[in-house]
Amino acid sequence: MTVNRALKELSEERVLERRQGSGTFVAQQQFNHTFVEVRNIAEDLK
C-alpha cells in the first residue's frame, strides 16, 4: 500500500506510466520534451 502511494503520485506527476497487467514504466513523454520555455538573456540581447 505504501509502495502503491509512491507510484500513484509519480504517475500523477507524469514521471511514471502504469500499464494494467504489464507493470510500471518510466514515462516516455516526460523525458523526451521540455515543457516550459526558459527565457535566455543572451538570445534576447542578440
ModelCIF file with pLDDT and N, C-alpha, C, O atoms, coordinates in Angstrom:
data_MODEL
#
_entry.id   MODEL 
#
_entity.id                         1 
_entity.type                       polymer 
_entity.pdbx_number_of_molecules   1 
#
_entity_poly.entity_id                      1 
_entity_poly.type                           'polypeptide(L)' 
_entity_poly.nstd_linkage                   no 
_entity_poly.nstd_monomer                   no 
_entity_poly.pdbx_seq_one_letter_code       MTVNRALKELSEERVLERRQGSGTFVAQQQFNHTFVEVRNIAEDLK 
_entity_poly.pdbx_seq_one_letter_code_can   MTVNRALKELSEERVLERRQGSGTFVAQQQFNHTFVEVRNIAEDLK 
_entity_poly.pdbx_strand_id                 A 
#
loop_
_entity_poly_seq.entity_id 
_entity_poly_seq.num 
_entity_poly_seq.mon_id 
_entity_poly_seq.hetero 
1 1  MET n 
1 2  THR n 
1 3  VAL n 
1 4  ASN n 
1 5  ARG n 
1 6  ALA n 
1 7  LEU n 
1 8  LYS n 
1 9  GLU n 
1 10 LEU n 
1 11 SER n 
1 12 GLU n 
1 13 GLU n 
1 14 ARG n 
1 15 VAL n 
1 16 LEU n 
1 17 GLU n 
1 18 ARG n 
1 19 ARG n 
1 20 GLN n 
1 21 GLY n 
1 22 SER n 
1 23 GLY n 
1 24 THR n 
1 25 PHE n 
1 26 VAL n 
1 27 ALA n 
1 28 GLN n 
1 29 GLN n 
1 30 GLN n 
1 31 PHE n 
1 32 ASN n 
1 33 HIS n 
1 34 THR n 
1 35 PHE n 
1 36 VAL n 
1 37 GLU n 
1 38 VAL n 
1 39 ARG n 
1 40 ASN n 
1 41 ILE n 
1 42 ALA n 
1 43 GLU n 
1 44 ASP n 
1 45 LEU n 
1 46 LYS n 
#
_struct_asym.id          A 
_struct_asym.entity_id   1 
#
loop_
_ma_qa_metric.id 
_ma_qa_metric.mode 
_ma_qa_metric.name 
_ma_qa_metric.software_group_id 
_ma_qa_metric.type 
1 global pLDDT . pLDDT 
2 local  pLDDT . pLDDT 
#
_ma_qa_metric_global.metric_id      1 
_ma_qa_metric_global.metric_value   74.13 
_ma_qa_metric_global.model_id       1 
_ma_qa_metric_global.ordinal_id     1 
#
loop_
_ma_qa_metric_local.label_asym_id 
_ma_qa_metric_local.label_comp_id 
_ma_qa_metric_local.label_seq_id 
_ma_qa_metric_local.metric_id 
_ma_qa_metric_local.metric_value 
_ma_qa_metric_local.model_id 
_ma_qa_metric_local.ordinal_id 
A MET 1  2 94.00 1 1  
A THR 2  2 94.00 1 2  
A VAL 3  2 94.00 1 3  
A ASN 4  2 93.00 1 4  
A ARG 5  2 92.00 1 5  
A ALA 6  2 91.00 1 6  
A LEU 7  2 92.00 1 7  
A LYS 8  2 90.00 1 8  
A GLU 9  2 87.00 1 9  
A LEU 10 2 87.00 1 10 
A SER 11 2 86.00 1 11 
A GLU 12 2 82.00 1 12 
A GLU 13 2 76.00 1 13 
A ARG 14 2 77.00 1 14 
A VAL 15 2 82.00 1 15 
A LEU 16 2 87.00 1 16 
A GLU 17 2 87.00 1 17 
A ARG 18 2 87.00 1 18 
A ARG 19 2 86.00 1 19 
A GLN 20 2 83.00 1 20 
A GLY 21 2 81.00 1 21 
A SER 22 2 84.00 1 22 
A GLY 23 2 89.00 1 23 
A THR 24 2 92.00 1 24 
A PHE 25 2 89.00 1 25 
A VAL 26 2 86.00 1 26 
A ALA 27 2 80.00 1 27 
A GLN 28 2 63.00 1 28 
A GLN 29 2 45.00 1 29 
A GLN 30 2 37.00 1 30 
A PHE 31 2 36.00 1 31 
A ASN 32 2 36.00 1 32 
A HIS 33 2 37.00 1 33 
A THR 34 2 40.00 1 34 
A PHE 35 2 40.00 1 35 
A VAL 36 2 44.00 1 36 
A GLU 37 2 49.00 1 37 
A VAL 38 2 55.00 1 38 
A ARG 39 2 64.00 1 39 
A ASN 40 2 72.00 1 40 
A ILE 41 2 76.00 1 41 
A ALA 42 2 73.00 1 42 
A GLU 43 2 72.00 1 43 
A ASP 44 2 74.00 1 44 
A LEU 45 2 76.00 1 45 
A LYS 46 2 73.00 1 46 
#
loop_
_atom_site.group_PDB 
_atom_site.id 
_atom_site.type_symbol 
_atom_site.label_atom_id 
_atom_site.label_alt_id 
_atom_site.label_comp_id 
_atom_site.label_asym_id 
_atom_site.label_entity_id 
_atom_site.label_seq_id 
_atom_site.pdbx_PDB_ins_code 
_atom_site.Cartn_x 
_atom_site.Cartn_y 
_atom_site.Cartn_z 
_atom_site.occupancy 
_atom_site.B_iso_or_equiv 
_atom_site.pdbx_formal_charge 
_atom_site.auth_seq_id 
_atom_site.auth_comp_id 
_atom_site.auth_asym_id 
_atom_site.auth_atom_id 
_atom_site.pdbx_PDB_model_num 
ATOM 1   N N  . MET A 1 1  ? 0.836  -1.202 0.000   1.00 94.00 ? 1  MET A N  1 
ATOM 2   C CA . MET A 1 1  ? 0.000  0.000  0.000   1.00 94.00 ? 1  MET A CA 1 
ATOM 3   C C  . MET A 1 1  ? 0.874  1.256  0.000   1.00 94.00 ? 1  MET A C  1 
ATOM 4   O O  . MET A 1 1  ? 0.566  2.233  -0.683  1.00 94.00 ? 1  MET A O  1 
ATOM 5   N N  . THR A 1 2  ? 1.971  1.224  0.773   1.00 94.00 ? 2  THR A N  1 
ATOM 6   C CA . THR A 1 2  ? 2.893  2.366  0.810   1.00 94.00 ? 2  THR A CA 1 
ATOM 7   C C  . THR A 1 2  ? 3.579  2.545  -0.535  1.00 94.00 ? 2  THR A C  1 
ATOM 8   O O  . THR A 1 2  ? 3.719  3.668  -1.021  1.00 94.00 ? 2  THR A O  1 
ATOM 9   N N  . VAL A 1 3  ? 4.009  1.436  -1.139  1.00 94.00 ? 3  VAL A N  1 
ATOM 10  C CA . VAL A 1 3  ? 4.624  1.498  -2.465  1.00 94.00 ? 3  VAL A CA 1 
ATOM 11  C C  . VAL A 1 3  ? 3.624  2.031  -3.481  1.00 94.00 ? 3  VAL A C  1 
ATOM 12  O O  . VAL A 1 3  ? 3.969  2.842  -4.341  1.00 94.00 ? 3  VAL A O  1 
ATOM 13  N N  . ASN A 1 4  ? 2.384  1.568  -3.375  1.00 93.00 ? 4  ASN A N  1 
ATOM 14  C CA . ASN A 1 4  ? 1.347  1.992  -4.308  1.00 93.00 ? 4  ASN A CA 1 
ATOM 15  C C  . ASN A 1 4  ? 1.147  3.501  -4.257  1.00 93.00 ? 4  ASN A C  1 
ATOM 16  O O  . ASN A 1 4  ? 0.937  4.140  -5.288  1.00 93.00 ? 4  ASN A O  1 
ATOM 17  N N  . ARG A 1 5  ? 1.213  4.068  -3.058  1.00 92.00 ? 5  ARG A N  1 
ATOM 18  C CA . ARG A 1 5  ? 1.054  5.523  -2.934  1.00 92.00 ? 5  ARG A CA 1 
ATOM 19  C C  . ARG A 1 5  ? 2.169  6.263  -3.666  1.00 92.00 ? 5  ARG A C  1 
ATOM 20  O O  . ARG A 1 5  ? 1.917  7.241  -4.370  1.00 92.00 ? 5  ARG A O  1 
ATOM 21  N N  . ALA A 1 6  ? 3.406  5.787  -3.496  1.00 91.00 ? 6  ALA A N  1 
ATOM 22  C CA . ALA A 1 6  ? 4.545  6.423  -4.159  1.00 91.00 ? 6  ALA A CA 1 
ATOM 23  C C  . ALA A 1 6  ? 4.402  6.356  -5.685  1.00 91.00 ? 6  ALA A C  1 
ATOM 24  O O  . ALA A 1 6  ? 4.630  7.345  -6.381  1.00 91.00 ? 6  ALA A O  1 
ATOM 25  N N  . LEU A 1 7  ? 4.025  5.180  -6.193  1.00 92.00 ? 7  LEU A N  1 
ATOM 26  C CA . LEU A 1 7  ? 3.873  5.008  -7.641  1.00 92.00 ? 7  LEU A CA 1 
ATOM 27  C C  . LEU A 1 7  ? 2.703  5.816  -8.172  1.00 92.00 ? 7  LEU A C  1 
ATOM 28  O O  . LEU A 1 7  ? 2.768  6.362  -9.274  1.00 92.00 ? 7  LEU A O  1 
ATOM 29  N N  . LYS A 1 8  ? 1.638  5.892  -7.394  1.00 90.00 ? 8  LYS A N  1 
ATOM 30  C CA . LYS A 1 8  ? 0.459  6.659  -7.802  1.00 90.00 ? 8  LYS A CA 1 
ATOM 31  C C  . LYS A 1 8  ? 0.810  8.143  -7.947  1.00 90.00 ? 8  LYS A C  1 
ATOM 32  O O  . LYS A 1 8  ? 0.420  8.787  -8.920  1.00 90.00 ? 8  LYS A O  1 
ATOM 33  N N  . GLU A 1 9  ? 1.550  8.679  -6.968  1.00 87.00 ? 9  GLU A N  1 
ATOM 34  C CA . GLU A 1 9  ? 1.910  10.096 -7.017  1.00 87.00 ? 9  GLU A CA 1 
ATOM 35  C C  . GLU A 1 9  ? 2.851  10.381 -8.187  1.00 87.00 ? 9  GLU A C  1 
ATOM 36  O O  . GLU A 1 9  ? 2.701  11.398 -8.863  1.00 87.00 ? 9  GLU A O  1 
ATOM 37  N N  . LEU A 1 10 ? 3.811  9.502  -8.433  1.00 87.00 ? 10 LEU A N  1 
ATOM 38  C CA . LEU A 1 10 ? 4.731  9.706  -9.549  1.00 87.00 ? 10 LEU A CA 1 
ATOM 39  C C  . LEU A 1 10 ? 4.015  9.573  -10.893 1.00 87.00 ? 10 LEU A C  1 
ATOM 40  O O  . LEU A 1 10 ? 4.397  10.213 -11.872 1.00 87.00 ? 10 LEU A O  1 
ATOM 41  N N  . SER A 1 11 ? 2.977  8.741  -10.935 1.00 86.00 ? 11 SER A N  1 
ATOM 42  C CA . SER A 1 11 ? 2.177  8.627  -12.159 1.00 86.00 ? 11 SER A CA 1 
ATOM 43  C C  . SER A 1 11 ? 1.378  9.903  -12.392 1.00 86.00 ? 11 SER A C  1 
ATOM 44  O O  . SER A 1 11 ? 1.266  10.372 -13.525 1.00 86.00 ? 11 SER A O  1 
ATOM 45  N N  . GLU A 1 12 ? 0.825  10.463 -11.324 1.00 82.00 ? 12 GLU A N  1 
ATOM 46  C CA . GLU A 1 12 ? 0.071  11.709 -11.433 1.00 82.00 ? 12 GLU A CA 1 
ATOM 47  C C  . GLU A 1 12 ? 0.975  12.875 -11.839 1.00 82.00 ? 12 GLU A C  1 
ATOM 48  O O  . GLU A 1 12 ? 0.528  13.833 -12.470 1.00 82.00 ? 12 GLU A O  1 
ATOM 49  N N  . GLU A 1 13 ? 2.260  12.774 -11.464 1.00 76.00 ? 13 GLU A N  1 
ATOM 50  C CA . GLU A 1 13 ? 3.230  13.795 -11.841 1.00 76.00 ? 13 GLU A CA 1 
ATOM 51  C C  . GLU A 1 13 ? 3.827  13.547 -13.224 1.00 76.00 ? 13 GLU A C  1 
ATOM 52  O O  . GLU A 1 13 ? 4.712  14.280 -13.664 1.00 76.00 ? 13 GLU A O  1 
ATOM 53  N N  . ARG A 1 14 ? 3.332  12.497 -13.914 1.00 77.00 ? 14 ARG A N  1 
ATOM 54  C CA . ARG A 1 14 ? 3.747  12.144 -15.272 1.00 77.00 ? 14 ARG A CA 1 
ATOM 55  C C  . ARG A 1 14 ? 5.201  11.699 -15.351 1.00 77.00 ? 14 ARG A C  1 
ATOM 56  O O  . ARG A 1 14 ? 5.844  11.819 -16.394 1.00 77.00 ? 14 ARG A O  1 
ATOM 57  N N  . VAL A 1 15 ? 5.706  11.186 -14.241 1.00 82.00 ? 15 VAL A N  1 
ATOM 58  C CA . VAL A 1 15 ? 7.053  10.622 -14.228 1.00 82.00 ? 15 VAL A CA 1 
ATOM 59  C C  . VAL A 1 15 ? 7.000  9.147  -14.621 1.00 82.00 ? 15 VAL A C  1 
ATOM 60  O O  . VAL A 1 15 ? 7.864  8.658  -15.348 1.00 82.00 ? 15 VAL A O  1 
ATOM 61  N N  . LEU A 1 16 ? 5.980  8.449  -14.134 1.00 87.00 ? 16 LEU A N  1 
ATOM 62  C CA . LEU A 1 16 ? 5.801  7.033  -14.424 1.00 87.00 ? 16 LEU A CA 1 
ATOM 63  C C  . LEU A 1 16 ? 4.505  6.790  -15.184 1.00 87.00 ? 16 LEU A C  1 
ATOM 64  O O  . LEU A 1 16 ? 3.596  7.620  -15.175 1.00 87.00 ? 16 LEU A O  1 
ATOM 65  N N  . GLU A 1 17 ? 4.441  5.652  -15.834 1.00 87.00 ? 17 GLU A N  1 
ATOM 66  C CA . GLU A 1 17 ? 3.227  5.220  -16.544 1.00 87.00 ? 17 GLU A CA 1 
ATOM 67  C C  . GLU A 1 17 ? 2.899  3.802  -16.091 1.00 87.00 ? 17 GLU A C  1 
ATOM 68  O O  . GLU A 1 17 ? 3.708  2.888  -16.255 1.00 87.00 ? 17 GLU A O  1 
ATOM 69  N N  . ARG A 1 18 ? 1.725  3.623  -15.530 1.00 87.00 ? 18 ARG A N  1 
ATOM 70  C CA . ARG A 1 18 ? 1.323  2.303  -15.034 1.00 87.00 ? 18 ARG A CA 1 
ATOM 71  C C  . ARG A 1 18 ? 0.429  1.640  -16.081 1.00 87.00 ? 18 ARG A C  1 
ATOM 72  O O  . ARG A 1 18 ? -0.582 2.207  -16.495 1.00 87.00 ? 18 ARG A O  1 
ATOM 73  N N  . ARG A 1 19 ? 0.813  0.434  -16.503 1.00 86.00 ? 19 ARG A N  1 
ATOM 74  C CA . ARG A 1 19 ? 0.075  -0.278 -17.537 1.00 86.00 ? 19 ARG A CA 1 
ATOM 75  C C  . ARG A 1 19 ? -0.539 -1.527 -16.925 1.00 86.00 ? 19 ARG A C  1 
ATOM 76  O O  . ARG A 1 19 ? 0.164  -2.376 -16.377 1.00 86.00 ? 19 ARG A O  1 
ATOM 77  N N  . GLN A 1 20 ? -1.845 -1.627 -17.023 1.00 83.00 ? 20 GLN A N  1 
ATOM 78  C CA . GLN A 1 20 ? -2.569 -2.742 -16.434 1.00 83.00 ? 20 GLN A CA 1 
ATOM 79  C C  . GLN A 1 20 ? -2.051 -4.073 -16.971 1.00 83.00 ? 20 GLN A C  1 
ATOM 80  O O  . GLN A 1 20 ? -2.046 -4.308 -18.180 1.00 83.00 ? 20 GLN A O  1 
ATOM 81  N N  . GLY A 1 21 ? -1.620 -4.931 -16.067 1.00 81.00 ? 21 GLY A N  1 
ATOM 82  C CA . GLY A 1 21 ? -1.149 -6.253 -16.454 1.00 81.00 ? 21 GLY A CA 1 
ATOM 83  C C  . GLY A 1 21 ? 0.274  -6.309 -16.953 1.00 81.00 ? 21 GLY A C  1 
ATOM 84  O O  . GLY A 1 21 ? 0.802  -7.393 -17.201 1.00 81.00 ? 21 GLY A O  1 
ATOM 85  N N  . SER A 1 22 ? 0.918  -5.135 -17.108 1.00 84.00 ? 22 SER A N  1 
ATOM 86  C CA . SER A 1 22 ? 2.286  -5.123 -17.640 1.00 84.00 ? 22 SER A CA 1 
ATOM 87  C C  . SER A 1 22 ? 3.317  -4.611 -16.647 1.00 84.00 ? 22 SER A C  1 
ATOM 88  O O  . SER A 1 22 ? 4.472  -5.036 -16.672 1.00 84.00 ? 22 SER A O  1 
ATOM 89  N N  . GLY A 1 23 ? 2.904  -3.698 -15.773 1.00 89.00 ? 23 GLY A N  1 
ATOM 90  C CA . GLY A 1 23 ? 3.843  -3.147 -14.801 1.00 89.00 ? 23 GLY A CA 1 
ATOM 91  C C  . GLY A 1 23 ? 3.891  -1.637 -14.850 1.00 89.00 ? 23 GLY A C  1 
ATOM 92  O O  . GLY A 1 23 ? 2.982  -0.992 -15.372 1.00 89.00 ? 23 GLY A O  1 
ATOM 93  N N  . THR A 1 24 ? 4.959  -1.072 -14.303 1.00 92.00 ? 24 THR A N  1 
ATOM 94  C CA . THR A 1 24 ? 5.133  0.375  -14.232 1.00 92.00 ? 24 THR A CA 1 
ATOM 95  C C  . THR A 1 24 ? 6.393  0.759  -14.985 1.00 92.00 ? 24 THR A C  1 
ATOM 96  O O  . THR A 1 24 ? 7.441  0.133  -14.822 1.00 92.00 ? 24 THR A O  1 
ATOM 97  N N  . PHE A 1 25 ? 6.286  1.799  -15.816 1.00 89.00 ? 25 PHE A N  1 
ATOM 98  C CA . PHE A 1 25 ? 7.376  2.189  -16.709 1.00 89.00 ? 25 PHE A CA 1 
ATOM 99  C C  . PHE A 1 25 ? 7.707  3.671  -16.551 1.00 89.00 ? 25 PHE A C  1 
ATOM 100 O O  . PHE A 1 25 ? 6.863  4.470  -16.147 1.00 89.00 ? 25 PHE A O  1 
ATOM 101 N N  . VAL A 1 26 ? 8.953  4.023  -16.879 1.00 86.00 ? 26 VAL A N  1 
ATOM 102 C CA . VAL A 1 26 ? 9.331  5.437  -16.921 1.00 86.00 ? 26 VAL A CA 1 
ATOM 103 C C  . VAL A 1 26 ? 8.618  6.060  -18.112 1.00 86.00 ? 26 VAL A C  1 
ATOM 104 O O  . VAL A 1 26 ? 8.736  5.574  -19.237 1.00 86.00 ? 26 VAL A O  1 
ATOM 105 N N  . ALA A 1 27 ? 7.885  7.124  -17.866 1.00 80.00 ? 27 ALA A N  1 
ATOM 106 C CA . ALA A 1 27 ? 7.065  7.727  -18.921 1.00 80.00 ? 27 ALA A CA 1 
ATOM 107 C C  . ALA A 1 27 ? 7.929  8.261  -20.059 1.00 80.00 ? 27 ALA A C  1 
ATOM 108 O O  . ALA A 1 27 ? 8.907  8.971  -19.825 1.00 80.00 ? 27 ALA A O  1 
ATOM 109 N N  . GLN A 1 28 ? 7.565  7.920  -21.277 1.00 63.00 ? 28 GLN A N  1 
ATOM 110 C CA . GLN A 1 28 ? 8.284  8.397  -22.453 1.00 63.00 ? 28 GLN A CA 1 
ATOM 111 C C  . GLN A 1 28 ? 8.148  9.902  -22.612 1.00 63.00 ? 28 GLN A C  1 
ATOM 112 O O  . GLN A 1 28 ? 9.135  10.605 -22.824 1.00 63.00 ? 28 GLN A O  1 
ATOM 113 N N  . GLN A 1 29 ? 6.931  10.386 -22.508 1.00 45.00 ? 29 GLN A N  1 
ATOM 114 C CA . GLN A 1 29 ? 6.663  11.791 -22.778 1.00 45.00 ? 29 GLN A CA 1 
ATOM 115 C C  . GLN A 1 29 ? 7.438  12.709 -21.847 1.00 45.00 ? 29 GLN A C  1 
ATOM 116 O O  . GLN A 1 29 ? 7.994  13.723 -22.268 1.00 45.00 ? 29 GLN A O  1 
ATOM 117 N N  . GLN A 1 30 ? 7.462  12.337 -20.585 1.00 37.00 ? 30 GLN A N  1 
ATOM 118 C CA . GLN A 1 30 ? 8.074  13.208 -19.589 1.00 37.00 ? 30 GLN A CA 1 
ATOM 119 C C  . GLN A 1 30 ? 9.547  13.468 -19.859 1.00 37.00 ? 30 GLN A C  1 
ATOM 120 O O  . GLN A 1 30 ? 10.047 14.559 -19.585 1.00 37.00 ? 30 GLN A O  1 
ATOM 121 N N  . PHE A 1 31 ? 10.249 12.464 -20.399 1.00 36.00 ? 31 PHE A N  1 
ATOM 122 C CA . PHE A 1 31 ? 11.678 12.600 -20.506 1.00 36.00 ? 31 PHE A CA 1 
ATOM 123 C C  . PHE A 1 31 ? 12.154 12.787 -21.953 1.00 36.00 ? 31 PHE A C  1 
ATOM 124 O O  . PHE A 1 31 ? 13.328 12.576 -22.254 1.00 36.00 ? 31 PHE A O  1 
ATOM 125 N N  . ASN A 1 32 ? 11.253 13.178 -22.829 1.00 36.00 ? 32 ASN A N  1 
ATOM 126 C CA . ASN A 1 32 ? 11.652 13.478 -24.195 1.00 36.00 ? 32 ASN A CA 1 
ATOM 127 C C  . ASN A 1 32 ? 11.306 14.897 -24.631 1.00 36.00 ? 32 ASN A C  1 
ATOM 128 O O  . ASN A 1 32 ? 11.582 15.277 -25.769 1.00 36.00 ? 32 ASN A O  1 
ATOM 129 N N  . HIS A 1 33 ? 10.711 15.676 -23.749 1.00 37.00 ? 33 HIS A N  1 
ATOM 130 C CA . HIS A 1 33 ? 10.272 17.013 -24.125 1.00 37.00 ? 33 HIS A CA 1 
ATOM 131 C C  . HIS A 1 33 ? 10.542 18.014 -23.022 1.00 37.00 ? 33 HIS A C  1 
ATOM 132 O O  . HIS A 1 33 ? 10.561 17.672 -21.840 1.00 37.00 ? 33 HIS A O  1 
ATOM 133 N N  . THR A 1 34 ? 10.752 19.258 -23.427 1.00 40.00 ? 34 THR A N  1 
ATOM 134 C CA . THR A 1 34 ? 10.830 20.349 -22.482 1.00 40.00 ? 34 THR A CA 1 
ATOM 135 C C  . THR A 1 34 ? 9.463  21.006 -22.442 1.00 40.00 ? 34 THR A C  1 
ATOM 136 O O  . THR A 1 34 ? 8.931  21.383 -23.487 1.00 40.00 ? 34 THR A O  1 
ATOM 137 N N  . PHE A 1 35 ? 8.888  21.150 -21.268 1.00 40.00 ? 35 PHE A N  1 
ATOM 138 C CA . PHE A 1 35 ? 7.520  21.619 -21.140 1.00 40.00 ? 35 PHE A CA 1 
ATOM 139 C C  . PHE A 1 35 ? 7.408  23.108 -20.867 1.00 40.00 ? 35 PHE A C  1 
ATOM 140 O O  . PHE A 1 35 ? 6.314  23.666 -20.956 1.00 40.00 ? 35 PHE A O  1 
ATOM 141 N N  . VAL A 1 36 ? 8.511  23.764 -20.537 1.00 44.00 ? 36 VAL A N  1 
ATOM 142 C CA . VAL A 1 36 ? 8.449  25.193 -20.269 1.00 44.00 ? 36 VAL A CA 1 
ATOM 143 C C  . VAL A 1 36 ? 9.487  25.915 -21.124 1.00 44.00 ? 36 VAL A C  1 
ATOM 144 O O  . VAL A 1 36 ? 10.554 25.377 -21.423 1.00 44.00 ? 36 VAL A O  1 
ATOM 145 N N  . GLU A 1 37 ? 9.153  27.130 -21.505 1.00 49.00 ? 37 GLU A N  1 
ATOM 146 C CA . GLU A 1 37 ? 10.102 27.963 -22.239 1.00 49.00 ? 37 GLU A CA 1 
ATOM 147 C C  . GLU A 1 37 ? 10.884 28.783 -21.221 1.00 49.00 ? 37 GLU A C  1 
ATOM 148 O O  . GLU A 1 37 ? 10.295 29.476 -20.392 1.00 49.00 ? 37 GLU A O  1 
ATOM 149 N N  . VAL A 1 38 ? 12.196 28.706 -21.283 1.00 55.00 ? 38 VAL A N  1 
ATOM 150 C CA . VAL A 1 38 ? 13.050 29.449 -20.367 1.00 55.00 ? 38 VAL A CA 1 
ATOM 151 C C  . VAL A 1 38 ? 13.682 30.606 -21.128 1.00 55.00 ? 38 VAL A C  1 
ATOM 152 O O  . VAL A 1 38 ? 14.385 30.394 -22.115 1.00 55.00 ? 38 VAL A O  1 
ATOM 153 N N  . ARG A 1 39 ? 13.435 31.822 -20.672 1.00 64.00 ? 39 ARG A N  1 
ATOM 154 C CA . ARG A 1 39 ? 13.974 32.994 -21.337 1.00 64.00 ? 39 ARG A CA 1 
ATOM 155 C C  . ARG A 1 39 ? 15.494 33.006 -21.226 1.00 64.00 ? 39 ARG A C  1 
ATOM 156 O O  . ARG A 1 39 ? 16.060 32.667 -20.186 1.00 64.00 ? 39 ARG A O  1 
ATOM 157 N N  . ASN A 1 40 ? 16.137 33.401 -22.309 1.00 72.00 ? 40 ASN A N  1 
ATOM 158 C CA . ASN A 1 40 ? 17.580 33.390 -22.414 1.00 72.00 ? 40 ASN A CA 1 
ATOM 159 C C  . ASN A 1 40 ? 18.041 34.813 -22.716 1.00 72.00 ? 40 ASN A C  1 
ATOM 160 O O  . ASN A 1 40 ? 17.805 35.311 -23.817 1.00 72.00 ? 40 ASN A O  1 
ATOM 161 N N  . ILE A 1 41 ? 18.694 35.479 -21.759 1.00 76.00 ? 41 ILE A N  1 
ATOM 162 C CA . ILE A 1 41 ? 19.081 36.871 -21.950 1.00 76.00 ? 41 ILE A CA 1 
ATOM 163 C C  . ILE A 1 41 ? 20.060 37.034 -23.105 1.00 76.00 ? 41 ILE A C  1 
ATOM 164 O O  . ILE A 1 41 ? 20.056 38.064 -23.779 1.00 76.00 ? 41 ILE A O  1 
ATOM 165 N N  . ALA A 1 42 ? 20.903 36.024 -23.342 1.00 73.00 ? 42 ALA A N  1 
ATOM 166 C CA . ALA A 1 42 ? 21.853 36.104 -24.446 1.00 73.00 ? 42 ALA A CA 1 
ATOM 167 C C  . ALA A 1 42 ? 21.121 36.245 -25.776 1.00 73.00 ? 42 ALA A C  1 
ATOM 168 O O  . ALA A 1 42 ? 21.474 37.090 -26.597 1.00 73.00 ? 42 ALA A O  1 
ATOM 169 N N  . GLU A 1 43 ? 20.093 35.410 -25.987 1.00 72.00 ? 43 GLU A N  1 
ATOM 170 C CA . GLU A 1 43 ? 19.328 35.480 -27.229 1.00 72.00 ? 43 GLU A CA 1 
ATOM 171 C C  . GLU A 1 43 ? 18.529 36.777 -27.310 1.00 72.00 ? 43 GLU A C  1 
ATOM 172 O O  . GLU A 1 43 ? 18.403 37.366 -28.383 1.00 72.00 ? 43 GLU A O  1 
ATOM 173 N N  . ASP A 1 44 ? 17.987 37.222 -26.170 1.00 74.00 ? 44 ASP A N  1 
ATOM 174 C CA . ASP A 1 44 ? 17.229 38.476 -26.159 1.00 74.00 ? 44 ASP A CA 1 
ATOM 175 C C  . ASP A 1 44 ? 18.100 39.651 -26.605 1.00 74.00 ? 44 ASP A C  1 
ATOM 176 O O  . ASP A 1 44 ? 17.672 40.488 -27.399 1.00 74.00 ? 44 ASP A O  1 
ATOM 177 N N  . LEU A 1 45 ? 19.319 39.701 -26.087 1.00 76.00 ? 45 LEU A N  1 
ATOM 178 C CA . LEU A 1 45 ? 20.210 40.811 -26.424 1.00 76.00 ? 45 LEU A CA 1 
ATOM 179 C C  . LEU A 1 45 ? 20.705 40.719 -27.870 1.00 76.00 ? 45 LEU A C  1 
ATOM 180 O O  . LEU A 1 45 ? 20.793 41.726 -28.573 1.00 76.00 ? 45 LEU A O  1 
ATOM 181 N N  . LYS A 1 46 ? 21.022 39.509 -28.297 1.00 73.00 ? 46 LYS A N  1 
ATOM 182 C CA . LYS A 1 46 ? 21.481 39.337 -29.681 1.00 73.00 ? 46 LYS A CA 1 
ATOM 183 C C  . LYS A 1 46 ? 20.377 39.676 -30.672 1.00 73.00 ? 46 LYS A C  1 
ATOM 184 O O  . LYS A 1 46 ? 20.585 39.588 -31.882 1.00 73.00 ? 46 LYS A O  1 
#
